[in-house]
Amino acid sequence: MTYQVEILNPKADKLLQDLADLNLIAISDLSADPFLAIVDRLREKASPKPPSLDEITREVEAVRSKRYAKKKA
């Protein structure tokens, strides 16, 4: 069973640490958001120079013209 607890009083931190020392509970750090970790990995793999608006527009137009040509034929 897992609970997420926000500690409001520093004395509670000491109590929780004492329980962990007695092996009654386990404390783990959840400060890292898994979603943000994935975003960071994607940013690391991203191209250093993103495409310009003109490049994106040209690509979209090329795909649309191919699609339109298929429907017309």
Foldseek 3Di string as FASTA:
>chain_A
DDDDDDDDDVVVVVVVVVCVVVVNDDDDDPPDDPVVVVVVVVVVPDDPDDDDPVVVVVVVVVVVVVVVVVVVD
